[in-house]
Structures are given as structure tokens and as C-alpha cells.
Amino acid sequence: MINVSMLQDELQNFISSTSDVQGVAIVSPDGLALASVLPGGMDEERTAAMSASMLSLGERICRELARGNVDRIVVEGEKGYGVLVGCGADAVLLVLASAAVKQGILFLEIKRVVSRIAALLA
């Protein structure tokens, strides 16, 4: 059984302790939000569905181009980044970060939070 309140706490701690992170969500491969802390006005259900679609498309691209398994998917826009990373077989982490974020630090912090989230999902 997934402890949603513990996941929610982990996400809140991640946002509070990582500069330039604006939102975060844990999503099932089916596109259902398991937990999230998103900016105001952002639709949780729609964000979850798009995240699952991006992951599915990324996996297909990697397979078709013989690039192996997806490590992470990064979408870069003029206002920042959306990063998708797997959290085990049953969840994906979406991180929204501002354009000012230092990518190396962001990816390191994402790796750390993924290990904590994966333990909660196990």
C-alpha cells in the first residue's frame, strides 16, 4: 500500500530544499497522479497524463533509435525545464524547474530524491 502522505512530504521537502524547483509530481505509468506539489493553476490530472505520454513516447524513441532504456527525458522551454525520471517500475517523477537552475545540481538532487521515493513505493 502506497503511503501518499509520506510521498507528499518527500515532494514538499524536495521543493523546499532545492532552489529553482517550481513543482514536482509522482505519476503512475497510466497517467494518474500519486502525489504532487505543483504551481497554482496547473491541473494535476492533465500534468500527470502528459507526463505518462511523454515517458511512453520517450521509451519508444529510445527503442526505435537503439539508445537503450530511458534515463531521463528533459523538455527545455524559454521559462525552464520539465524533467521526467523513472522511480521504479510503477512511477515516474516529473520535476519542473526554472531556467536559472544549474542542471548538474538539479540532476544530482533528482537522483537523490528518486532513491528516497523508490524506497517509499517498494
PDB file of N, CA and C in Angstrom:
ATOM      1  N   MET A   1       0.842  -1.194   0.000  1.00  0.00           N
ATOM      2  CA  MET A   1       0.000   0.000   0.000  1.00  0.00           C
ATOM      3  C   MET A   1       0.883   1.252   0.000  1.00  0.00           C
ATOM      4  N   ILE A   2       0.599   2.169  -0.890  1.00  0.00           N
ATOM      5  CA  ILE A   2       1.370   3.400  -1.005  1.00  0.00           C
ATOM      6  C   ILE A   2       0.925   4.389   0.069  1.00  0.00           C
ATOM      7  N   ASN A   3       1.892   4.934   0.789  1.00  0.00           N
ATOM      8  CA  ASN A   3       1.608   5.942   1.809  1.00  0.00           C
ATOM      9  C   ASN A   3       1.698   7.320   1.148  1.00  0.00           C
ATOM     10  N   VAL A   4       0.559   7.842   0.735  1.00  0.00           N
ATOM     11  CA  VAL A   4       0.500   9.090  -0.019  1.00  0.00           C
ATOM     12  C   VAL A   4       1.022  10.266   0.805  1.00  0.00           C
ATOM     13  N   SER A   5       0.734  10.284   2.088  1.00  0.00           N
ATOM     14  CA  SER A   5       1.190  11.413   2.911  1.00  0.00           C
ATOM     15  C   SER A   5       2.717  11.446   3.011  1.00  0.00           C
ATOM     16  N   MET A   6       3.358  10.282   3.062  1.00  0.00           N
ATOM     17  CA  MET A   6       4.825  10.251   3.091  1.00  0.00           C
ATOM     18  C   MET A   6       5.406  10.710   1.750  1.00  0.00           C
ATOM     19  N   LEU A   7       4.762  10.312   0.643  1.00  0.00           N
ATOM     20  CA  LEU A   7       5.196  10.776  -0.671  1.00  0.00           C
ATOM     21  C   LEU A   7       5.042  12.291  -0.775  1.00  0.00           C
ATOM     22  N   GLN A   8       3.902  12.777  -0.299  1.00  0.00           N
ATOM     23  CA  GLN A   8       3.632  14.217  -0.344  1.00  0.00           C
ATOM     24  C   GLN A   8       4.677  14.985   0.468  1.00  0.00           C
ATOM     25  N   ASP A   9       5.020  14.473   1.645  1.00  0.00           N
ATOM     26  CA  ASP A   9       6.043  15.104   2.493  1.00  0.00           C
ATOM     27  C   ASP A   9       7.398  15.118   1.795  1.00  0.00           C
ATOM     28  N   GLU A  10       7.736  14.024   1.139  1.00  0.00           N
ATOM     29  CA  GLU A  10       9.021  13.932   0.420  1.00  0.00           C
ATOM     30  C   GLU A  10       9.072  14.960  -0.703  1.00  0.00           C
ATOM     31  N   LEU A  11       7.979  15.118  -1.418  1.00  0.00           N
ATOM     32  CA  LEU A  11       7.929  16.104  -2.503  1.00  0.00           C
ATOM     33  C   LEU A  11       8.044  17.522  -1.959  1.00  0.00           C
ATOM     34  N   GLN A  12       7.336  17.802  -0.872  1.00  0.00           N
ATOM     35  CA  GLN A  12       7.386  19.136  -0.275  1.00  0.00           C
ATOM     36  C   GLN A  12       8.798  19.456   0.206  1.00  0.00           C
ATOM     37  N   ASN A  13       9.459  18.482   0.831  1.00  0.00           N
ATOM     38  CA  ASN A  13      10.847  18.674   1.283  1.00  0.00           C
ATOM     39  C   ASN A  13      11.781  18.913   0.104  1.00  0.00           C
ATOM     40  N   PHE A  14      11.551  18.199  -0.998  1.00  0.00           N
ATOM     41  CA  PHE A  14      12.383  18.359  -2.192  1.00  0.00           C
ATOM     42  C   PHE A  14      12.263  19.775  -2.748  1.00  0.00           C
ATOM     43  N   ILE A  15      11.044  20.270  -2.859  1.00  0.00           N
ATOM     44  CA  ILE A  15      10.836  21.628  -3.378  1.00  0.00           C
ATOM     45  C   ILE A  15      11.444  22.663  -2.440  1.00  0.00           C
ATOM     46  N   SER A  16      11.254  22.482  -1.141  1.00  0.00           N
ATOM     47  CA  SER A  16      11.758  23.443  -0.154  1.00  0.00           C
ATOM     48  C   SER A  16      13.276  23.499  -0.116  1.00  0.00           C
ATOM     49  N   SER A  17      13.919  22.365  -0.353  1.00  0.00           N
ATOM     50  CA  SER A  17      15.376  22.305  -0.195  1.00  0.00           C
ATOM     51  C   SER A  17      16.155  22.431  -1.500  1.00  0.00           C
ATOM     52  N   THR A  18      15.476  22.473  -2.642  1.00  0.00           N
ATOM     53  CA  THR A  18      16.163  22.540  -3.930  1.00  0.00           C
ATOM     54  C   THR A  18      15.792  23.846  -4.623  1.00  0.00           C
ATOM     55  N   SER A  19      16.779  24.724  -4.767  1.00  0.00           N
ATOM     56  CA  SER A  19      16.491  26.030  -5.368  1.00  0.00           C
ATOM     57  C   SER A  19      16.100  25.888  -6.837  1.00  0.00           C
ATOM     58  N   ASP A  20      15.247  26.757  -7.272  1.00  0.00           N
ATOM     59  CA  ASP A  20      14.761  26.851  -8.644  1.00  0.00           C
ATOM     60  C   ASP A  20      13.840  25.707  -9.073  1.00  0.00           C
ATOM     61  N   VAL A  21      13.443  24.824  -8.147  1.00  0.00           N
ATOM     62  CA  VAL A  21      12.433  23.814  -8.459  1.00  0.00           C
ATOM     63  C   VAL A  21      11.077  24.428  -8.134  1.00  0.00           C
ATOM     64  N   GLN A  22      10.194  24.413  -9.124  1.00  0.00           N
ATOM     65  CA  GLN A  22       8.902  25.079  -9.002  1.00  0.00           C
ATOM     66  C   GLN A  22       7.737  24.127  -8.774  1.00  0.00           C
ATOM     67  N   GLY A  23       7.922  22.873  -9.144  1.00  0.00           N
ATOM     68  CA  GLY A  23       6.851  21.901  -8.982  1.00  0.00           C
ATOM     69  C   GLY A  23       7.377  20.503  -9.158  1.00  0.00           C
ATOM     70  N   VAL A  24       6.621  19.539  -8.642  1.00  0.00           N
ATOM     71  CA  VAL A  24       7.036  18.146  -8.728  1.00  0.00           C
ATOM     72  C   VAL A  24       5.802  17.260  -8.601  1.00  0.00           C
ATOM     73  N   ALA A  25       5.838  16.118  -9.297  1.00  0.00           N
ATOM     74  CA  ALA A  25       4.719  15.181  -9.230  1.00  0.00           C
ATOM     75  C   ALA A  25       5.244  13.758  -9.396  1.00  0.00           C
ATOM     76  N   ILE A  26       4.576  12.834  -8.721  1.00  0.00           N
ATOM     77  CA  ILE A  26       4.830  11.410  -8.914  1.00  0.00           C
ATOM     78  C   ILE A  26       3.613  10.870  -9.638  1.00  0.00           C
ATOM     79  N   VAL A  27       3.867  10.212 -10.761  1.00  0.00           N
ATOM     80  CA  VAL A  27       2.811   9.804 -11.673  1.00  0.00           C
ATOM     81  C   VAL A  27       2.934   8.313 -11.970  1.00  0.00           C
ATOM     82  N   SER A  28       1.798   7.641 -12.075  1.00  0.00           N
ATOM     83  CA  SER A  28       1.808   6.232 -12.480  1.00  0.00           C
ATOM     84  C   SER A  28       2.022   6.157 -13.992  1.00  0.00           C
ATOM     85  N   PRO A  29       2.507   5.009 -14.492  1.00  0.00           N
ATOM     86  CA  PRO A  29       2.666   4.876 -15.954  1.00  0.00           C
ATOM     87  C   PRO A  29       1.357   5.031 -16.721  1.00  0.00           C
ATOM     88  N   ASP A  30       0.233   4.858 -16.014  1.00  0.00           N
ATOM     89  CA  ASP A  30      -1.085   5.030 -16.637  1.00  0.00           C
ATOM     90  C   ASP A  30      -1.528   6.487 -16.698  1.00  0.00           C
ATOM     91  N   GLY A  31      -0.747   7.380 -16.083  1.00  0.00           N
ATOM     92  CA  GLY A  31      -1.079   8.795 -16.124  1.00  0.00           C
ATOM     93  C   GLY A  31      -1.895   9.294 -14.952  1.00  0.00           C
ATOM     94  N   LEU A  32      -1.870   8.571 -13.842  1.00  0.00           N
ATOM     95  CA  LEU A  32      -2.583   9.001 -12.644  1.00  0.00           C
ATOM     96  C   LEU A  32      -1.606   9.623 -11.660  1.00  0.00           C
ATOM     97  N   ALA A  33      -1.963  10.757 -11.104  1.00  0.00           N
ATOM     98  CA  ALA A  33      -1.102  11.422 -10.124  1.00  0.00           C
ATOM     99  C   ALA A  33      -1.179  10.664  -8.802  1.00  0.00           C
ATOM    100  N   LEU A  34      -0.010  10.270  -8.282  1.00  0.00           N
ATOM    101  CA  LEU A  34       0.046   9.612  -6.978  1.00  0.00           C
ATOM    102  C   LEU A  34       0.233  10.647  -5.872  1.00  0.00           C
ATOM    103  N   ALA A  35       1.016  11.686  -6.164  1.00  0.00           N
ATOM    104  CA  ALA A  35       1.257  12.790  -5.234  1.00  0.00           C
ATOM    105  C   ALA A  35       1.845  13.931  -6.054  1.00  0.00           C
ATOM    106  N   SER A  36       1.608  15.163  -5.607  1.00  0.00           N
ATOM    107  CA  SER A  36       2.180  16.295  -6.345  1.00  0.00           C
ATOM    108  C   SER A  36       2.198  17.553  -5.499  1.00  0.00           C
ATOM    109  N   VAL A  37       3.131  18.427  -5.850  1.00  0.00           N
ATOM    110  CA  VAL A  37       3.190  19.793  -5.345  1.00  0.00           C
ATOM    111  C   VAL A  37       3.466  20.633  -6.587  1.00  0.00           C
ATOM    112  N   LEU A  38       2.395  21.163  -7.162  1.00  0.00           N
ATOM    113  CA  LEU A  38       2.502  21.885  -8.427  1.00  0.00           C
ATOM    114  C   LEU A  38       2.184  23.366  -8.233  1.00  0.00           C
ATOM    115  N   PRO A  39       2.692  24.205  -9.138  1.00  0.00           N
ATOM    116  CA  PRO A  39       2.366  25.635  -9.059  1.00  0.00           C
ATOM    117  C   PRO A  39       0.863  25.856  -9.200  1.00  0.00           C
ATOM    118  N   GLY A  40       0.373  26.929  -8.599  1.00  0.00           N
ATOM    119  CA  GLY A  40      -1.040  27.264  -8.681  1.00  0.00           C
ATOM    120  C   GLY A  40      -1.518  27.373 -10.114  1.00  0.00           C
ATOM    121  N   GLY A  41      -2.694  26.880 -10.372  1.00  0.00           N
ATOM    122  CA  GLY A  41      -3.266  26.959 -11.706  1.00  0.00           C
ATOM    123  C   GLY A  41      -2.878  25.809 -12.618  1.00  0.00           C
ATOM    124  N   MET A  42      -1.975  24.945 -12.185  1.00  0.00           N
ATOM    125  CA  MET A  42      -1.563  23.811 -13.006  1.00  0.00           C
ATOM    126  C   MET A  42      -2.454  22.620 -12.659  1.00  0.00           C
ATOM    127  N   ASP A  43      -3.087  22.048 -13.653  1.00  0.00           N
ATOM    128  CA  ASP A  43      -4.023  20.939 -13.468  1.00  0.00           C
ATOM    129  C   ASP A  43      -3.260  19.638 -13.227  1.00  0.00           C
ATOM    130  N   GLU A  44      -3.454  19.036 -12.050  1.00  0.00           N
ATOM    131  CA  GLU A  44      -2.726  17.828 -11.660  1.00  0.00           C
ATOM    132  C   GLU A  44      -3.026  16.650 -12.592  1.00  0.00           C
ATOM    133  N   GLU A  45      -4.295  16.439 -12.923  1.00  0.00           N
ATOM    134  CA  GLU A  45      -4.672  15.312 -13.781  1.00  0.00           C
ATOM    135  C   GLU A  45      -4.094  15.453 -15.182  1.00  0.00           C
ATOM    136  N   ARG A  46      -4.173  16.632 -15.715  1.00  0.00           N
ATOM    137  CA  ARG A  46      -3.650  16.884 -17.068  1.00  0.00           C
ATOM    138  C   ARG A  46      -2.128  16.737 -17.095  1.00  0.00           C
ATOM    139  N   THR A  47      -1.457  17.269 -16.076  1.00  0.00           N
ATOM    140  CA  THR A  47       0.001  17.164 -15.974  1.00  0.00           C
ATOM    141  C   THR A  47       0.426  15.708 -15.873  1.00  0.00           C
ATOM    142  N   ALA A  48      -0.298  14.929 -15.079  1.00  0.00           N
ATOM    143  CA  ALA A  48       0.016  13.506 -14.921  1.00  0.00           C
ATOM    144  C   ALA A  48      -0.153  12.759 -16.242  1.00  0.00           C
ATOM    145  N   ALA A  49      -1.238  13.033 -16.940  1.00  0.00           N
ATOM    146  CA  ALA A  49      -1.489  12.364 -18.218  1.00  0.00           C
ATOM    147  C   ALA A  49      -0.421  12.708 -19.249  1.00  0.00           C
ATOM    148  N   MET A  50      -0.036  13.977 -19.321  1.00  0.00           N
ATOM    149  CA  MET A  50       1.013  14.387 -20.269  1.00  0.00           C
ATOM    150  C   MET A  50       2.350  13.757 -19.915  1.00  0.00           C
ATOM    151  N   SER A  51       2.644  13.648 -18.630  1.00  0.00           N
ATOM    152  CA  SER A  51       3.903  13.044 -18.192  1.00  0.00           C
ATOM    153  C   SER A  51       3.981  11.581 -18.624  1.00  0.00           C
ATOM    154  N   ALA A  52       2.896  10.847 -18.433  1.00  0.00           N
ATOM    155  CA  ALA A  52       2.869   9.449 -18.845  1.00  0.00           C
ATOM    156  C   ALA A  52       3.020   9.325 -20.363  1.00  0.00           C
ATOM    157  N   SER A  53       2.394  10.222 -21.106  1.00  0.00           N
ATOM    158  CA  SER A  53       2.521  10.214 -22.567  1.00  0.00           C
ATOM    159  C   SER A  53       3.950  10.502 -23.007  1.00  0.00           C
ATOM    160  N   MET A  54       4.579  11.478 -22.338  1.00  0.00           N
ATOM    161  CA  MET A  54       5.981  11.803 -22.675  1.00  0.00           C
ATOM    162  C   MET A  54       6.885  10.612 -22.409  1.00  0.00           C
ATOM    163  N   LEU A  55       6.678   9.934 -21.293  1.00  0.00           N
ATOM    164  CA  LEU A  55       7.501   8.776 -20.971  1.00  0.00           C
ATOM    165  C   LEU A  55       7.311   7.679 -22.010  1.00  0.00           C
ATOM    166  N   SER A  56       6.085   7.398 -22.363  1.00  0.00           N
ATOM    167  CA  SER A  56       5.795   6.363 -23.348  1.00  0.00           C
ATOM    168  C   SER A  56       6.457   6.683 -24.697  1.00  0.00           C
ATOM    169  N   LEU A  57       6.342   7.922 -25.128  1.00  0.00           N
ATOM    170  CA  LEU A  57       6.956   8.347 -26.380  1.00  0.00           C
ATOM    171  C   LEU A  57       8.477   8.283 -26.300  1.00  0.00           C
ATOM    172  N   GLY A  58       9.040   8.722 -25.177  1.00  0.00           N
ATOM    173  CA  GLY A  58      10.495   8.661 -24.991  1.00  0.00           C
ATOM    174  C   GLY A  58      11.011   7.239 -25.038  1.00  0.00           C
ATOM    175  N   GLU A  59      10.284   6.315 -24.414  1.00  0.00           N
ATOM    176  CA  GLU A  59      10.684   4.907 -24.434  1.00  0.00           C
ATOM    177  C   GLU A  59      10.651   4.360 -25.862  1.00  0.00           C
ATOM    178  N   ARG A  60       9.632   4.742 -26.607  1.00  0.00           N
ATOM    179  CA  ARG A  60       9.531   4.271 -27.997  1.00  0.00           C
ATOM    180  C   ARG A  60      10.658   4.838 -28.852  1.00  0.00           C
ATOM    181  N   ILE A  61      10.974   6.108 -28.664  1.00  0.00           N
ATOM    182  CA  ILE A  61      12.073   6.728 -29.414  1.00  0.00           C
ATOM    183  C   ILE A  61      13.387   6.022 -29.105  1.00  0.00           C
ATOM    184  N   CYS A  62      13.647   5.793 -27.820  1.00  0.00           N
ATOM    185  CA  CYS A  62      14.889   5.096 -27.440  1.00  0.00           C
ATOM    186  C   CYS A  62      14.964   3.712 -28.072  1.00  0.00           C
ATOM    187  N   ARG A  63      13.848   3.007 -28.067  1.00  0.00           N
ATOM    188  CA  ARG A  63      13.813   1.666 -28.650  1.00  0.00           C
ATOM    189  C   ARG A  63      14.053   1.723 -30.158  1.00  0.00           C
ATOM    190  N   GLU A  64      13.368   2.634 -30.849  1.00  0.00           N
ATOM    191  CA  GLU A  64      13.492   2.747 -32.302  1.00  0.00           C
ATOM    192  C   GLU A  64      14.885   3.190 -32.732  1.00  0.00           C
ATOM    193  N   LEU A  65      15.513   4.032 -31.939  1.00  0.00           N
ATOM    194  CA  LEU A  65      16.841   4.534 -32.278  1.00  0.00           C
ATOM    195  C   LEU A  65      17.961   3.724 -31.629  1.00  0.00           C
ATOM    196  N   ALA A  66      17.598   2.612 -31.018  1.00  0.00           N
ATOM    197  CA  ALA A  66      18.555   1.706 -30.369  1.00  0.00           C
ATOM    198  C   ALA A  66      19.444   2.451 -29.376  1.00  0.00           C
ATOM    199  N   ARG A  67      18.809   3.230 -28.489  1.00  0.00           N
ATOM    200  CA  ARG A  67      19.534   4.002 -27.475  1.00  0.00           C
ATOM    201  C   ARG A  67      19.447   3.374 -26.100  1.00  0.00           C
ATOM    202  N   GLY A  68      18.831   2.212 -25.974  1.00  0.00           N
ATOM    203  CA  GLY A  68      18.712   1.564 -24.674  1.00  0.00           C
ATOM    204  C   GLY A  68      17.524   2.096 -23.888  1.00  0.00           C
ATOM    205  N   ASN A  69      17.580   1.911 -22.580  1.00  0.00           N
ATOM    206  CA  ASN A  69      16.500   2.369 -21.700  1.00  0.00           C
ATOM    207  C   ASN A  69      16.577   3.874 -21.474  1.00  0.00           C
ATOM    208  N   VAL A  70      15.430   4.471 -21.230  1.00  0.00           N
ATOM    209  CA  VAL A  70      15.353   5.903 -20.957  1.00  0.00           C
ATOM    210  C   VAL A  70      15.949   6.176 -19.576  1.00  0.00           C
ATOM    211  N   ASP A  71      16.888   7.105 -19.496  1.00  0.00           N
ATOM    212  CA  ASP A  71      17.442   7.538 -18.217  1.00  0.00           C
ATOM    213  C   ASP A  71      16.613   8.696 -17.689  1.00  0.00           C
ATOM    214  N   ARG A  72      16.424   9.691 -18.532  1.00  0.00           N
ATOM    215  CA  ARG A  72      15.578  10.833 -18.184  1.00  0.00           C
ATOM    216  C   ARG A  72      15.158  11.518 -19.481  1.00  0.00           C
ATOM    217  N   ILE A  73      14.045  12.207 -19.394  1.00  0.00           N
ATOM    218  CA  ILE A  73      13.541  12.992 -20.518  1.00  0.00           C
ATOM    219  C   ILE A  73      13.526  14.437 -20.048  1.00  0.00           C
ATOM    220  N   VAL A  74      14.140  15.306 -20.828  1.00  0.00           N
ATOM    221  CA  VAL A  74      14.222  16.720 -20.469  1.00  0.00           C
ATOM    222  C   VAL A  74      13.558  17.545 -21.560  1.00  0.00           C
ATOM    223  N   VAL A  75      12.623  18.376 -21.157  1.00  0.00           N
ATOM    224  CA  VAL A  75      11.987  19.322 -22.069  1.00  0.00           C
ATOM    225  C   VAL A  75      12.444  20.703 -21.629  1.00  0.00           C
ATOM    226  N   GLU A  76      13.073  21.424 -22.543  1.00  0.00           N
ATOM    227  CA  GLU A  76      13.588  22.758 -22.227  1.00  0.00           C
ATOM    228  C   GLU A  76      12.776  23.800 -22.966  1.00  0.00           C
ATOM    229  N   GLY A  77      12.241  24.738 -22.209  1.00  0.00           N
ATOM    230  CA  GLY A  77      11.483  25.847 -22.780  1.00  0.00           C
ATOM    231  C   GLY A  77      12.110  27.159 -22.347  1.00  0.00           C
ATOM    232  N   GLU A  78      11.614  28.254 -22.852  1.00  0.00           N
ATOM    233  CA  GLU A  78      12.193  29.558 -22.513  1.00  0.00           C
ATOM    234  C   GLU A  78      12.030  29.907 -21.037  1.00  0.00           C
ATOM    235  N   LYS A  79      11.043  29.294 -20.368  1.00  0.00           N
ATOM    236  CA  LYS A  79      10.813  29.594 -18.954  1.00  0.00           C
ATOM    237  C   LYS A  79      11.371  28.528 -18.010  1.00  0.00           C
ATOM    238  N   GLY A  80      11.974  27.473 -18.571  1.00  0.00           N
ATOM    239  CA  GLY A  80      12.552  26.468 -17.694  1.00  0.00           C
ATOM    240  C   GLY A  80      12.498  25.067 -18.264  1.00  0.00           C
ATOM    241  N   TYR A  81      12.548  24.096 -17.347  1.00  0.00           N
ATOM    242  CA  TYR A  81      12.696  22.696 -17.710  1.00  0.00           C
ATOM    243  C   TYR A  81      11.606  21.840 -17.101  1.00  0.00           C
ATOM    244  N   GLY A  82      11.286  20.770 -17.807  1.00  0.00           N
ATOM    245  CA  GLY A  82      10.488  19.678 -17.275  1.00  0.00           C
ATOM    246  C   GLY A  82      11.349  18.437 -17.400  1.00  0.00           C
ATOM    247  N   VAL A  83      11.573  17.754 -16.288  1.00  0.00           N
ATOM    248  CA  VAL A  83      12.437  16.566 -16.291  1.00  0.00           C
ATOM    249  C   VAL A  83      11.616  15.385 -15.790  1.00  0.00           C
ATOM    250  N   LEU A  84      11.628  14.299 -16.570  1.00  0.00           N
ATOM    251  CA  LEU A  84      10.946  13.062 -16.194  1.00  0.00           C
ATOM    252  C   LEU A  84      11.988  11.992 -15.917  1.00  0.00           C
ATOM    253  N   VAL A  85      11.844  11.330 -14.765  1.00  0.00           N
ATOM    254  CA  VAL A  85      12.775  10.278 -14.369  1.00  0.00           C
ATOM    255  C   VAL A  85      11.958   9.135 -13.777  1.00  0.00           C
ATOM    256  N   GLY A  86      12.317   7.897 -14.108  1.00  0.00           N
ATOM    257  CA  GLY A  86      11.628   6.743 -13.547  1.00  0.00           C
ATOM    258  C   GLY A  86      11.913   6.582 -12.063  1.00  0.00           C
ATOM    259  N   CYS A  87      10.901   6.147 -11.326  1.00  0.00           N
ATOM    260  CA  CYS A  87      11.022   5.833  -9.882  1.00  0.00           C
ATOM    261  C   CYS A  87      10.615   4.388  -9.686  1.00  0.00           C
ATOM    262  N   GLY A  88      11.349   3.475 -10.256  1.00  0.00           N
ATOM    263  CA  GLY A  88      10.964   2.071 -10.214  1.00  0.00           C
ATOM    264  C   GLY A  88      10.012   1.769 -11.359  1.00  0.00           C
ATOM    265  N   ALA A  89       9.403   0.596 -11.301  1.00  0.00           N
ATOM    266  CA  ALA A  89       8.548   0.145 -12.405  1.00  0.00           C
ATOM    267  C   ALA A  89       7.168   0.795 -12.390  1.00  0.00           C
ATOM    268  N   ASP A  90       6.764   1.342 -11.248  1.00  0.00           N
ATOM    269  CA  ASP A  90       5.383   1.787 -11.115  1.00  0.00           C
ATOM    270  C   ASP A  90       5.181   3.282 -10.970  1.00  0.00           C
ATOM    271  N   ALA A  91       6.225   4.076 -11.184  1.00  0.00           N
ATOM    272  CA  ALA A  91       6.054   5.522 -11.019  1.00  0.00           C
ATOM    273  C   ALA A  91       7.112   6.303 -11.788  1.00  0.00           C
ATOM    274  N   VAL A  92       6.756   7.536 -12.096  1.00  0.00           N
ATOM    275  CA  VAL A  92       7.634   8.472 -12.779  1.00  0.00           C
ATOM    276  C   VAL A  92       7.620   9.772 -11.991  1.00  0.00           C
ATOM    277  N   LEU A  93       8.779  10.394 -11.867  1.00  0.00           N
ATOM    278  CA  LEU A  93       8.879  11.684 -11.192  1.00  0.00           C
ATOM    279  C   LEU A  93       8.987  12.772 -12.245  1.00  0.00           C
ATOM    280  N   LEU A  94       8.124  13.776 -12.159  1.00  0.00           N
ATOM    281  CA  LEU A  94       8.194  14.964 -13.001  1.00  0.00           C
ATOM    282  C   LEU A  94       8.686  16.109 -12.132  1.00  0.00           C
ATOM    283  N   VAL A  95       9.742  16.781 -12.584  1.00  0.00           N
ATOM    284  CA  VAL A  95      10.266  17.944 -11.873  1.00  0.00           C
ATOM    285  C   VAL A  95      10.190  19.146 -12.805  1.00  0.00           C
ATOM    286  N   LEU A  96       9.615  20.238 -12.321  1.00  0.00           N
ATOM    287  CA  LEU A  96       9.552  21.497 -13.066  1.00  0.00           C
ATOM    288  C   LEU A  96      10.536  22.461 -12.428  1.00  0.00           C
ATOM    289  N   ALA A  97      11.458  22.988 -13.233  1.00  0.00           N
ATOM    290  CA  ALA A  97      12.494  23.876 -12.712  1.00  0.00           C
ATOM    291  C   ALA A  97      12.593  25.128 -13.573  1.00  0.00           C
ATOM    292  N   SER A  98      13.031  26.216 -12.956  1.00  0.00           N
ATOM    293  CA  SER A  98      13.159  27.481 -13.672  1.00  0.00           C
ATOM    294  C   SER A  98      14.348  27.436 -14.625  1.00  0.00           C
ATOM    295  N   ALA A  99      14.402  28.394 -15.531  1.00  0.00           N
ATOM    296  CA  ALA A  99      15.502  28.479 -16.493  1.00  0.00           C
ATOM    297  C   ALA A  99      16.824  28.779 -15.812  1.00  0.00           C
ATOM    298  N   ALA A 100      16.786  29.321 -14.587  1.00  0.00           N
ATOM    299  CA  ALA A 100      18.011  29.686 -13.867  1.00  0.00           C
ATOM    300  C   ALA A 100      18.676  28.505 -13.162  1.00  0.00           C
ATOM    301  N   VAL A 101      18.036  27.344 -13.159  1.00  0.00           N
ATOM    302  CA  VAL A 101      18.563  26.197 -12.420  1.00  0.00           C
ATOM    303  C   VAL A 101      19.909  25.739 -12.995  1.00  0.00           C
ATOM    304  N   LYS A 102      20.764  25.282 -12.128  1.00  0.00           N
ATOM    305  CA  LYS A 102      22.027  24.657 -12.554  1.00  0.00           C
ATOM    306  C   LYS A 102      21.717  23.181 -12.793  1.00  0.00           C
ATOM    307  N   GLN A 103      21.816  22.761 -14.054  1.00  0.00           N
ATOM    308  CA  GLN A 103      21.365  21.424 -14.428  1.00  0.00           C
ATOM    309  C   GLN A 103      22.091  20.311 -13.682  1.00  0.00           C
ATOM    310  N   GLY A 104      23.389  20.437 -13.513  1.00  0.00           N
ATOM    311  CA  GLY A 104      24.144  19.395 -12.825  1.00  0.00           C
ATOM    312  C   GLY A 104      23.652  19.181 -11.401  1.00  0.00           C
ATOM    313  N   ILE A 105      23.430  20.266 -10.698  1.00  0.00           N
ATOM    314  CA  ILE A 105      22.924  20.176  -9.325  1.00  0.00           C
ATOM    315  C   ILE A 105      21.499  19.621  -9.328  1.00  0.00           C
ATOM    316  N   LEU A 106      20.683  20.072 -10.268  1.00  0.00           N
ATOM    317  CA  LEU A 106      19.311  19.580 -10.361  1.00  0.00           C
ATOM    318  C   LEU A 106      19.294  18.072 -10.569  1.00  0.00           C
ATOM    319  N   PHE A 107      20.094  17.578 -11.517  1.00  0.00           N
ATOM    320  CA  PHE A 107      20.102  16.140 -11.798  1.00  0.00           C
ATOM    321  C   PHE A 107      20.604  15.337 -10.602  1.00  0.00           C
ATOM    322  N   LEU A 108      21.557  15.872  -9.863  1.00  0.00           N
ATOM    323  CA  LEU A 108      22.048  15.210  -8.654  1.00  0.00           C
ATOM    324  C   LEU A 108      20.942  15.137  -7.599  1.00  0.00           C
ATOM    325  N   GLU A 109      20.256  16.248  -7.378  1.00  0.00           N
ATOM    326  CA  GLU A 109      19.175  16.268  -6.389  1.00  0.00           C
ATOM    327  C   GLU A 109      18.016  15.363  -6.810  1.00  0.00           C
ATOM    328  N   ILE A 110      17.745  15.302  -8.110  1.00  0.00           N
ATOM    329  CA  ILE A 110      16.695  14.405  -8.603  1.00  0.00           C
ATOM    330  C   ILE A 110      17.084  12.955  -8.314  1.00  0.00           C
ATOM    331  N   LYS A 111      18.327  12.610  -8.563  1.00  0.00           N
ATOM    332  CA  LYS A 111      18.795  11.247  -8.307  1.00  0.00           C
ATOM    333  C   LYS A 111      18.607  10.881  -6.834  1.00  0.00           C
ATOM    334  N   ARG A 112      18.903  11.821  -5.943  1.00  0.00           N
ATOM    335  CA  ARG A 112      18.755  11.576  -4.504  1.00  0.00           C
ATOM    336  C   ARG A 112      17.291  11.384  -4.108  1.00  0.00           C
ATOM    337  N   VAL A 113      16.419  12.253  -4.611  1.00  0.00           N
ATOM    338  CA  VAL A 113      15.009  12.142  -4.229  1.00  0.00           C
ATOM    339  C   VAL A 113      14.375  10.895  -4.842  1.00  0.00           C
ATOM    340  N   VAL A 114      14.819  10.498  -6.023  1.00  0.00           N
ATOM    341  CA  VAL A 114      14.282   9.284  -6.649  1.00  0.00           C
ATOM    342  C   VAL A 114      14.574   8.064  -5.784  1.00  0.00           C
ATOM    343  N   SER A 115      15.765   7.990  -5.213  1.00  0.00           N
ATOM    344  CA  SER A 115      16.081   6.828  -4.369  1.00  0.00           C
ATOM    345  C   SER A 115      15.192   6.803  -3.123  1.00  0.00           C
ATOM    346  N   ARG A 116      14.906   7.968  -2.568  1.00  0.00           N
ATOM    347  CA  ARG A 116      14.015   8.011  -1.393  1.00  0.00           C
ATOM    348  C   ARG A 116      12.574   7.667  -1.770  1.00  0.00           C
ATOM    349  N   ILE A 117      12.121   8.153  -2.910  1.00  0.00           N
ATOM    350  CA  ILE A 117      10.756   7.876  -3.360  1.00  0.00           C
ATOM    351  C   ILE A 117      10.601   6.409  -3.713  1.00  0.00           C
ATOM    352  N   ALA A 118      11.580   5.854  -4.413  1.00  0.00           N
ATOM    353  CA  ALA A 118      11.528   4.439  -4.792  1.00  0.00           C
ATOM    354  C   ALA A 118      11.416   3.550  -3.559  1.00  0.00           C
ATOM    355  N   ALA A 119      12.106   3.917  -2.479  1.00  0.00           N
ATOM    356  CA  ALA A 119      12.017   3.149  -1.236  1.00  0.00           C
ATOM    357  C   ALA A 119      10.612   3.216  -0.651  1.00  0.00           C
ATOM    358  N   LEU A 120       9.959   4.378  -0.763  1.00  0.00           N
ATOM    359  CA  LEU A 120       8.597   4.514  -0.252  1.00  0.00           C
ATOM    360  C   LEU A 120       7.585   3.745  -1.092  1.00  0.00           C
ATOM    361  N   LEU A 121       7.883   3.572  -2.385  1.00  0.00           N
ATOM    362  CA  LEU A 121       6.974   2.881  -3.284  1.00  0.00           C
ATOM    363  C   LEU A 121       7.155   1.359  -3.245  1.00  0.00           C
ATOM    364  N   ALA A 122       8.284   0.910  -2.694  1.00  0.00           N
ATOM    365  CA  ALA A 122       8.588  -0.541  -2.677  1.00  0.00           C
ATOM    366  C   ALA A 122       7.715  -1.296  -1.702  1.00  0.00           C
TER     367      ALA A 122
END
